[in-house]
Every structure is written in C-alpha cells, then in structure tokens.
C-alpha cells in the first residue's frame, strides 16, 4: 500500500475547516453555562425562600412610579419596580434565557447578551429569545420602604 502525499490545497482546506469548527465550538460555549451557575458571573438565581421576610430592598422614594431599579436582595441581583404610587414588585435580575443580568430602562428590562426584553412591572417576556418570565421575589411596601414579604 502506498499513501498519497497530501497537496498544499488539501492541507490548507483541512486546517481552515478544523479552525472554523473550533471557533464555532468556542462561540457556542460562550452562550451557555455549564458550571451549574445561572449567571455568567458565577452567581445563582434569586431564591425567594432564602430571603428573610422584612428584609429592606429599597426606599420607595428611590423608585419612580412606572419604572424599575437594580438592587441586591440577600446577596443576589434583583430588580425592584413601582407599578403604582403605593405598590412595588421585585424580580430576579437573571435573564431566563442564558443567565445574563438584565438592566432597567424605564418600564423595560433589557438583557444585554441576547436582546431579550422584559416588562419591568410584571417580569413578563416582551421580546425573546427568553421564553419565561423573570422569577418573582415577594415584596411589600412597609411605610417608606420596600421589604421582602
């Protein structure tokens, strides 16, 4: 048996194909999380059960009616919004698509990673690729503060 000597074109074509496959694998890996974490920064989603009742989330006066702001609840990133003058809502800030942290923008929450948009007052998905609402964190207004319920 004799082996054929590969041509320069075959070597280059094979090298480009292998490099392209490797680049595609790296790009896909960057979109997912395989470490068991629901956030690229290594955090995990907010668990309402782990948040003690009565924990201060924000001052009600710091949140404009109809808008939202980023907060930390029990060490986890969250969003608190103010649907009306006397009510508040709170959600995990971790996008349900791939675990990136959403950012408040008026009455919307935008995911900078893949473009999902959520309603800041309800946590509902307004634009995908996310298909699930942000998990709710029970809160209530207690005097001039928003606290966990």
Protein backbone atom coordinates (compact mmCIF):
# COMPACT_ATOMS: atom_id res chain seq x y z
CA UNK A 1 0.00 0.00 0.00
CA UNK A 2 1.14 3.47 -0.75
CA UNK A 3 -0.03 6.63 0.90
CA UNK A 4 -0.74 9.66 -1.19
CA UNK A 5 1.09 12.82 -0.27
CA UNK A 6 -1.47 15.49 0.53
CA UNK A 7 -1.43 18.55 -1.64
CA UNK A 8 -0.93 22.02 -0.24
CA UNK A 9 -4.59 22.76 -1.03
CA UNK A 10 -5.78 19.71 0.97
CA UNK A 11 -3.67 20.68 3.99
CA UNK A 12 -4.90 24.29 3.92
CA UNK A 13 -8.55 23.31 3.41
CA UNK A 14 -8.43 20.82 6.27
CA UNK A 15 -6.72 23.36 8.54
CA UNK A 16 -9.34 26.01 7.82
CA UNK A 17 -12.17 23.53 8.46
CA UNK A 18 -10.69 22.46 11.80
CA UNK A 19 -10.09 26.07 12.85
CA UNK A 20 -13.66 27.02 11.89
CA UNK A 21 -15.11 24.12 13.88
CA UNK A 22 -13.02 25.08 16.91
CA UNK A 23 -14.13 28.72 16.66
CA UNK A 24 -17.77 27.64 16.41
CA UNK A 25 -17.43 25.45 19.50
CA UNK A 26 -15.90 28.32 21.48
CA UNK A 27 -18.68 30.70 20.35
CA UNK A 28 -21.40 28.24 21.37
CA UNK A 29 -19.75 27.58 24.71
CA UNK A 30 -19.72 31.32 25.42
CA UNK A 31 -23.52 31.43 25.02
CA UNK A 32 -24.19 28.69 27.54
CA UNK A 33 -23.40 27.99 31.13
CA UNK A 34 -22.19 24.53 32.07
CA UNK A 35 -20.93 25.20 35.57
CA UNK A 36 -24.33 24.82 37.22
CA UNK A 37 -24.49 28.57 37.65
CA UNK A 38 -27.40 30.56 36.27
CA UNK A 39 -25.28 33.64 35.75
CA UNK A 40 -22.09 34.16 33.76
CA UNK A 41 -20.57 35.94 36.75
CA UNK A 42 -20.91 32.78 38.84
CA UNK A 43 -23.95 33.83 40.86
CA UNK A 44 -27.18 31.95 41.01
CA UNK A 45 -30.78 32.93 40.59
CA UNK A 46 -32.57 34.62 43.46
CA UNK A 47 -34.46 32.22 45.67
CA UNK A 48 -37.46 33.82 47.33
CA UNK A 49 -37.47 31.10 50.00
CA UNK A 50 -33.95 32.06 51.09
CA UNK A 51 -34.82 35.73 51.62
CA UNK A 52 -35.89 36.50 55.21
CA UNK A 53 -39.22 38.32 55.49
CA UNK A 54 -38.90 42.03 56.26
CA UNK A 55 -35.50 42.49 54.59
CA UNK A 56 -35.25 46.04 53.20
CA UNK A 57 -34.94 46.08 49.40
CA UNK A 58 -35.13 49.81 48.61
CA UNK A 59 -36.61 53.09 49.73
CA UNK A 60 -39.93 53.60 47.95
CA UNK A 61 -38.94 57.19 47.12
CA UNK A 62 -35.89 55.90 45.16
CA UNK A 63 -38.14 54.24 42.57
CA UNK A 64 -40.08 56.34 40.07
CA UNK A 65 -43.69 55.19 39.54
CA UNK A 66 -43.83 53.04 36.39
CA UNK A 67 -40.08 52.31 36.40
CA UNK A 68 -37.53 49.99 38.00
CA UNK A 69 -34.06 49.97 39.51
CA UNK A 70 -31.38 47.38 40.17
CA UNK A 71 -30.97 46.20 43.76
CA UNK A 72 -29.38 43.37 45.70
CA UNK A 73 -31.63 41.04 47.66
CA UNK A 74 -29.92 38.60 50.01
CA UNK A 75 -26.69 38.95 48.00
CA UNK A 76 -28.39 38.28 44.65
CA UNK A 77 -29.00 40.74 41.81
CA UNK A 78 -32.64 41.76 41.53
CA UNK A 79 -34.94 44.38 40.06
CA UNK A 80 -37.48 46.33 42.09
CA UNK A 81 -40.21 48.30 40.33
CA UNK A 82 -43.05 50.56 41.33
CA UNK A 83 -46.24 49.84 39.36
CA UNK A 84 -48.28 52.41 41.33
CA UNK A 85 -47.71 55.06 43.98
CA UNK A 86 -48.32 52.55 46.79
CA UNK A 87 -47.16 49.19 45.36
CA UNK A 88 -43.86 47.55 44.46
CA UNK A 89 -42.78 44.42 42.60
CA UNK A 90 -39.48 42.58 42.63
CA UNK A 91 -37.90 40.04 40.27
CA UNK A 92 -34.65 38.19 39.83
CA UNK A 93 -32.33 40.19 37.54
CA UNK A 94 -31.08 36.97 35.93
CA UNK A 95 -32.38 36.53 32.37
CA UNK A 96 -34.27 33.26 31.94
CA UNK A 97 -32.65 32.70 28.53
CA UNK A 98 -28.95 32.29 29.32
CA UNK A 99 -28.39 33.80 32.76
CA UNK A 100 -27.11 37.30 31.95
CA UNK A 101 -28.08 40.21 34.20
CA UNK A 102 -30.90 42.39 32.85
CA UNK A 103 -30.67 46.16 33.07
CA UNK A 104 -33.57 48.53 33.83
CA UNK A 105 -34.55 51.04 31.14
CA UNK A 106 -37.72 52.86 32.18
CA UNK A 107 -40.58 50.34 32.19
CA UNK A 108 -38.43 47.73 30.40
CA UNK A 109 -35.67 45.37 31.46
CA UNK A 110 -33.13 44.69 28.72
CA UNK A 111 -30.80 41.71 28.51
CA UNK A 112 -27.50 42.94 27.05
CA UNK A 113 -26.38 39.46 25.99
CA UNK A 114 -29.05 38.30 23.53
CA UNK A 115 -31.63 41.11 23.35
CA UNK A 116 -34.48 39.75 25.45
CA UNK A 117 -36.81 42.43 26.83
CA UNK A 118 -38.96 42.04 29.95
CA UNK A 119 -41.74 44.19 31.39
CA UNK A 120 -40.24 45.87 34.48
CA UNK A 121 -43.59 45.99 36.29
CA UNK A 122 -44.60 42.33 35.77
CA UNK A 123 -41.43 40.45 34.83
CA UNK A 124 -43.18 39.11 31.70
CA UNK A 125 -41.25 38.50 28.48
CA UNK A 126 -41.96 41.16 25.85
CA UNK A 127 -39.32 40.08 23.33
CA UNK A 128 -37.31 36.84 23.10
CA UNK A 129 -35.23 34.80 22.85
CA UNK A 130 -36.21 34.35 26.53
CA UNK A 131 -39.49 32.45 26.78
CA UNK A 132 -40.06 32.52 30.56
CA UNK A 133 -40.87 35.44 32.85
CA UNK A 134 -38.35 36.57 35.45
CA UNK A 135 -38.89 34.79 38.79
CA UNK A 136 -40.81 36.95 41.24
CA UNK A 137 -39.48 37.85 44.68
CA UNK A 138 -42.35 38.61 47.08
CA UNK A 139 -42.18 42.17 48.42
CA UNK A 140 -44.49 44.68 50.08
CA UNK A 141 -44.46 48.36 50.92
CA UNK A 142 -43.82 48.91 54.62
CA UNK A 143 -44.04 52.60 55.41
CA UNK A 144 -41.46 54.30 53.17
CA UNK A 145 -39.55 51.11 52.28
CA UNK A 146 -39.96 48.12 50.02
CA UNK A 147 -39.29 44.96 52.06
CA UNK A 148 -39.41 41.25 51.37
CA UNK A 149 -42.75 39.66 52.20
